Amino acid sequence: MSSQTAQLLDAFEALPEDEKRVFTVEFLRRAVPFDSGPLDDAETADAADQLLASLE
């Protein structure tokens, strides 16, 4: 991860919860459509593992 990306994430974390929601909506609106290309089985399994870990 670049230092610029890390700075953006730090700034995001410092926002109040309502501003985080507003930012997220605007960010996703601008990011769509996004084509990540085909995912292989290992990438899909890794994403699932990360999601489950975050839900615990």
PDB file of N, CA and C in Angstrom:
ATOM      1  N   MET A   1       0.852  -1.162   0.000  1.00  0.00           N
ATOM      2  CA  MET A   1       0.000   0.000   0.000  1.00  0.00           C
ATOM      3  C   MET A   1       0.906   1.235   0.000  1.00  0.00           C
ATOM      4  N   SER A   2       0.540   2.193  -0.807  1.00  0.00           N
ATOM      5  CA  SER A   2       1.343   3.418  -0.875  1.00  0.00           C
ATOM      6  C   SER A   2       1.104   4.285   0.355  1.00  0.00           C
ATOM      7  N   SER A   3       2.025   5.209   0.595  1.00  0.00           N
ATOM      8  CA  SER A   3       1.860   6.119   1.737  1.00  0.00           C
ATOM      9  C   SER A   3       0.655   7.036   1.528  1.00  0.00           C
ATOM     10  N   GLN A   4       0.364   7.379   0.271  1.00  0.00           N
ATOM     11  CA  GLN A   4      -0.803   8.215  -0.015  1.00  0.00           C
ATOM     12  C   GLN A   4      -2.097   7.489   0.350  1.00  0.00           C
ATOM     13  N   THR A   5      -2.169   6.214   0.007  1.00  0.00           N
ATOM     14  CA  THR A   5      -3.345   5.422   0.347  1.00  0.00           C
ATOM     15  C   THR A   5      -3.489   5.299   1.853  1.00  0.00           C
ATOM     16  N   ALA A   6      -2.384   5.049   2.544  1.00  0.00           N
ATOM     17  CA  ALA A   6      -2.418   4.948   4.002  1.00  0.00           C
ATOM     18  C   ALA A   6      -2.885   6.262   4.626  1.00  0.00           C
ATOM     19  N   GLN A   7      -2.453   7.391   4.081  1.00  0.00           N
ATOM     20  CA  GLN A   7      -2.886   8.693   4.591  1.00  0.00           C
ATOM     21  C   GLN A   7      -4.386   8.888   4.380  1.00  0.00           C
ATOM     22  N   LEU A   8      -4.883   8.485   3.215  1.00  0.00           N
ATOM     23  CA  LEU A   8      -6.318   8.589   2.955  1.00  0.00           C
ATOM     24  C   LEU A   8      -7.117   7.739   3.937  1.00  0.00           C
ATOM     25  N   LEU A   9      -6.649   6.537   4.198  1.00  0.00           N
ATOM     26  CA  LEU A   9      -7.344   5.662   5.142  1.00  0.00           C
ATOM     27  C   LEU A   9      -7.312   6.234   6.554  1.00  0.00           C
ATOM     28  N   ASP A  10      -6.189   6.797   6.949  1.00  0.00           N
ATOM     29  CA  ASP A  10      -6.098   7.428   8.269  1.00  0.00           C
ATOM     30  C   ASP A  10      -7.065   8.602   8.374  1.00  0.00           C
ATOM     31  N   ALA A  11      -7.134   9.410   7.313  1.00  0.00           N
ATOM     32  CA  ALA A  11      -8.051  10.552   7.310  1.00  0.00           C
ATOM     33  C   ALA A  11      -9.501  10.065   7.376  1.00  0.00           C
ATOM     34  N   PHE A  12      -9.801   8.990   6.653  1.00  0.00           N
ATOM     35  CA  PHE A  12     -11.145   8.422   6.694  1.00  0.00           C
ATOM     36  C   PHE A  12     -11.500   7.976   8.104  1.00  0.00           C
ATOM     37  N   GLU A  13     -10.572   7.285   8.766  1.00  0.00           N
ATOM     38  CA  GLU A  13     -10.829   6.786  10.121  1.00  0.00           C
ATOM     39  C   GLU A  13     -11.058   7.922  11.111  1.00  0.00           C
ATOM     40  N   ALA A  14     -10.515   9.084  10.839  1.00  0.00           N
ATOM     41  CA  ALA A  14     -10.672  10.227  11.740  1.00  0.00           C
ATOM     42  C   ALA A  14     -12.029  10.923  11.582  1.00  0.00           C
ATOM     43  N   LEU A  15     -12.763  10.594  10.526  1.00  0.00           N
ATOM     44  CA  LEU A  15     -14.054  11.236  10.286  1.00  0.00           C
ATOM     45  C   LEU A  15     -15.113  10.745  11.271  1.00  0.00           C
ATOM     46  N   PRO A  16     -16.097  11.605  11.570  1.00  0.00           N
ATOM     47  CA  PRO A  16     -17.255  11.135  12.346  1.00  0.00           C
ATOM     48  C   PRO A  16     -18.027  10.088  11.525  1.00  0.00           C
ATOM     49  N   GLU A  17     -18.776   9.243  12.214  1.00  0.00           N
ATOM     50  CA  GLU A  17     -19.483   8.142  11.542  1.00  0.00           C
ATOM     51  C   GLU A  17     -20.390   8.619  10.404  1.00  0.00           C
ATOM     52  N   ASP A  18     -21.121   9.713  10.601  1.00  0.00           N
ATOM     53  CA  ASP A  18     -22.015  10.177   9.538  1.00  0.00           C
ATOM     54  C   ASP A  18     -21.233  10.639   8.311  1.00  0.00           C
ATOM     55  N   GLU A  19     -20.063  11.237   8.517  1.00  0.00           N
ATOM     56  CA  GLU A  19     -19.240  11.657   7.383  1.00  0.00           C
ATOM     57  C   GLU A  19     -18.624  10.449   6.678  1.00  0.00           C
ATOM     58  N   LYS A  20     -18.311   9.402   7.421  1.00  0.00           N
ATOM     59  CA  LYS A  20     -17.807   8.172   6.806  1.00  0.00           C
ATOM     60  C   LYS A  20     -18.842   7.606   5.836  1.00  0.00           C
ATOM     61  N   ARG A  21     -20.113   7.632   6.249  1.00  0.00           N
ATOM     62  CA  ARG A  21     -21.179   7.118   5.380  1.00  0.00           C
ATOM     63  C   ARG A  21     -21.306   7.965   4.115  1.00  0.00           C
ATOM     64  N   VAL A  22     -21.279   9.276   4.275  1.00  0.00           N
ATOM     65  CA  VAL A  22     -21.378  10.180   3.122  1.00  0.00           C
ATOM     66  C   VAL A  22     -20.197   9.953   2.178  1.00  0.00           C
ATOM     67  N   PHE A  23     -19.004   9.879   2.741  1.00  0.00           N
ATOM     68  CA  PHE A  23     -17.810   9.659   1.921  1.00  0.00           C
ATOM     69  C   PHE A  23     -17.891   8.336   1.168  1.00  0.00           C
ATOM     70  N   THR A  24     -18.304   7.277   1.881  1.00  0.00           N
ATOM     71  CA  THR A  24     -18.369   5.955   1.266  1.00  0.00           C
ATOM     72  C   THR A  24     -19.342   5.936   0.091  1.00  0.00           C
ATOM     73  N   VAL A  25     -20.499   6.545   0.258  1.00  0.00           N
ATOM     74  CA  VAL A  25     -21.480   6.605  -0.829  1.00  0.00           C
ATOM     75  C   VAL A  25     -20.886   7.334  -2.032  1.00  0.00           C
ATOM     76  N   GLU A  26     -20.261   8.476  -1.792  1.00  0.00           N
ATOM     77  CA  GLU A  26     -19.683   9.253  -2.896  1.00  0.00           C
ATOM     78  C   GLU A  26     -18.521   8.529  -3.556  1.00  0.00           C
ATOM     79  N   PHE A  27     -17.695   7.879  -2.747  1.00  0.00           N
ATOM     80  CA  PHE A  27     -16.560   7.138  -3.300  1.00  0.00           C
ATOM     81  C   PHE A  27     -17.033   5.998  -4.196  1.00  0.00           C
ATOM     82  N   LEU A  28     -17.999   5.223  -3.701  1.00  0.00           N
ATOM     83  CA  LEU A  28     -18.506   4.098  -4.494  1.00  0.00           C
ATOM     84  C   LEU A  28     -19.232   4.572  -5.748  1.00  0.00           C
ATOM     85  N   ARG A  29     -19.928   5.683  -5.652  1.00  0.00           N
ATOM     86  CA  ARG A  29     -20.626   6.220  -6.827  1.00  0.00           C
ATOM     87  C   ARG A  29     -19.616   6.560  -7.920  1.00  0.00           C
ATOM     88  N   ARG A  30     -18.481   7.086  -7.528  1.00  0.00           N
ATOM     89  CA  ARG A  30     -17.453   7.463  -8.507  1.00  0.00           C
ATOM     90  C   ARG A  30     -16.646   6.259  -8.997  1.00  0.00           C
ATOM     91  N   ALA A  31     -16.546   5.219  -8.183  1.00  0.00           N
ATOM     92  CA  ALA A  31     -15.730   4.056  -8.522  1.00  0.00           C
ATOM     93  C   ALA A  31     -16.435   3.095  -9.469  1.00  0.00           C
ATOM     94  N   VAL A  32     -17.757   3.152  -9.541  1.00  0.00           N
ATOM     95  CA  VAL A  32     -18.528   2.229 -10.370  1.00  0.00           C
ATOM     96  C   VAL A  32     -18.641   2.801 -11.773  1.00  0.00           C
ATOM     97  N   PRO A  33     -18.540   2.057 -12.830  1.00  0.00           N
ATOM     98  CA  PRO A  33     -18.303   0.616 -12.861  1.00  0.00           C
ATOM     99  C   PRO A  33     -16.816   0.302 -12.721  1.00  0.00           C
ATOM    100  N   PHE A  34     -16.551  -0.785 -12.073  1.00  0.00           N
ATOM    101  CA  PHE A  34     -15.185  -1.241 -11.864  1.00  0.00           C
ATOM    102  C   PHE A  34     -15.112  -2.700 -12.255  1.00  0.00           C
ATOM    103  N   ASP A  35     -14.245  -3.007 -13.177  1.00  0.00           N
ATOM    104  CA  ASP A  35     -14.079  -4.388 -13.624  1.00  0.00           C
ATOM    105  C   ASP A  35     -12.742  -4.897 -13.121  1.00  0.00           C
ATOM    106  N   SER A  36     -12.797  -5.742 -12.116  1.00  0.00           N
ATOM    107  CA  SER A  36     -11.563  -6.289 -11.561  1.00  0.00           C
ATOM    108  C   SER A  36     -11.048  -7.465 -12.382  1.00  0.00           C
ATOM    109  N   GLY A  37     -11.804  -7.841 -13.391  1.00  0.00           N
ATOM    110  CA  GLY A  37     -11.408  -9.001 -14.180  1.00  0.00           C
ATOM    111  C   GLY A  37     -11.847 -10.277 -13.493  1.00  0.00           C
ATOM    112  N   PRO A  38     -11.592 -11.404 -14.120  1.00  0.00           N
ATOM    113  CA  PRO A  38     -12.024 -12.672 -13.530  1.00  0.00           C
ATOM    114  C   PRO A  38     -11.228 -12.995 -12.261  1.00  0.00           C
ATOM    115  N   LEU A  39     -11.897 -13.589 -11.297  1.00  0.00           N
ATOM    116  CA  LEU A  39     -11.247 -14.030 -10.064  1.00  0.00           C
ATOM    117  C   LEU A  39     -11.024 -15.533 -10.139  1.00  0.00           C
ATOM    118  N   ASP A  40      -9.852 -15.950  -9.670  1.00  0.00           N
ATOM    119  CA  ASP A  40      -9.649 -17.397  -9.623  1.00  0.00           C
ATOM    120  C   ASP A  40     -10.142 -17.924  -8.278  1.00  0.00           C
ATOM    121  N   ASP A  41     -10.179 -19.227  -8.132  1.00  0.00           N
ATOM    122  CA  ASP A  41     -10.731 -19.842  -6.925  1.00  0.00           C
ATOM    123  C   ASP A  41      -9.972 -19.431  -5.664  1.00  0.00           C
ATOM    124  N   ALA A  42      -8.646 -19.295  -5.760  1.00  0.00           N
ATOM    125  CA  ALA A  42      -7.848 -18.923  -4.593  1.00  0.00           C
ATOM    126  C   ALA A  42      -8.193 -17.505  -4.127  1.00  0.00           C
ATOM    127  N   GLU A  43      -8.388 -16.594  -5.075  1.00  0.00           N
ATOM    128  CA  GLU A  43      -8.764 -15.218  -4.714  1.00  0.00           C
ATOM    129  C   GLU A  43     -10.143 -15.177  -4.064  1.00  0.00           C
ATOM    130  N   THR A  44     -11.069 -15.943  -4.596  1.00  0.00           N
ATOM    131  CA  THR A  44     -12.414 -15.999  -4.037  1.00  0.00           C
ATOM    132  C   THR A  44     -12.382 -16.582  -2.625  1.00  0.00           C
ATOM    133  N   ALA A  45     -11.629 -17.645  -2.422  1.00  0.00           N
ATOM    134  CA  ALA A  45     -11.520 -18.273  -1.102  1.00  0.00           C
ATOM    135  C   ALA A  45     -10.866 -17.323  -0.108  1.00  0.00           C
ATOM    136  N   ASP A  46      -9.835 -16.603  -0.538  1.00  0.00           N
ATOM    137  CA  ASP A  46      -9.160 -15.649   0.339  1.00  0.00           C
ATOM    138  C   ASP A  46     -10.109 -14.519   0.738  1.00  0.00           C
ATOM    139  N   ALA A  47     -10.877 -13.997  -0.215  1.00  0.00           N
ATOM    140  CA  ALA A  47     -11.840 -12.940   0.079  1.00  0.00           C
ATOM    141  C   ALA A  47     -12.900 -13.425   1.072  1.00  0.00           C
ATOM    142  N   ALA A  48     -13.352 -14.657   0.910  1.00  0.00           N
ATOM    143  CA  ALA A  48     -14.335 -15.226   1.824  1.00  0.00           C
ATOM    144  C   ALA A  48     -13.751 -15.380   3.220  1.00  0.00           C
ATOM    145  N   ASP A  49     -12.512 -15.845   3.300  1.00  0.00           N
ATOM    146  CA  ASP A  49     -11.849 -15.996   4.601  1.00  0.00           C
ATOM    147  C   ASP A  49     -11.715 -14.649   5.307  1.00  0.00           C
ATOM    148  N   GLN A  50     -11.329 -13.617   4.557  1.00  0.00           N
ATOM    149  CA  GLN A  50     -11.192 -12.284   5.151  1.00  0.00           C
ATOM    150  C   GLN A  50     -12.538 -11.746   5.627  1.00  0.00           C
ATOM    151  N   LEU A  51     -13.562 -11.964   4.851  1.00  0.00           N
ATOM    152  CA  LEU A  51     -14.902 -11.499   5.230  1.00  0.00           C
ATOM    153  C   LEU A  51     -15.365 -12.200   6.509  1.00  0.00           C
ATOM    154  N   LEU A  52     -15.212 -13.508   6.559  1.00  0.00           N
ATOM    155  CA  LEU A  52     -15.628 -14.248   7.752  1.00  0.00           C
ATOM    156  C   LEU A  52     -14.833 -13.817   8.974  1.00  0.00           C
ATOM    157  N   ALA A  53     -13.541 -13.571   8.810  1.00  0.00           N
ATOM    158  CA  ALA A  53     -12.713 -13.124   9.938  1.00  0.00           C
ATOM    159  C   ALA A  53     -13.179 -11.768  10.447  1.00  0.00           C
ATOM    160  N   SER A  54     -13.591 -10.900   9.540  1.00  0.00           N
ATOM    161  CA  SER A  54     -14.029  -9.568   9.957  1.00  0.00           C
ATOM    162  C   SER A  54     -15.391  -9.608  10.658  1.00  0.00           C
ATOM    163  N   LEU A  55     -16.168 -10.643  10.410  1.00  0.00           N
ATOM    164  CA  LEU A  55     -17.489 -10.763  11.010  1.00  0.00           C
ATOM    165  C   LEU A  55     -17.440 -11.398  12.411  1.00  0.00           C
ATOM    166  N   GLU A  56     -16.326 -12.014  12.730  1.00  0.00           N
ATOM    167  CA  GLU A  56     -16.222 -12.696  14.032  1.00  0.00           C
ATOM    168  C   GLU A  56     -16.065 -11.738  15.166  1.00  0.00           C
TER     169      GLU A  56
END
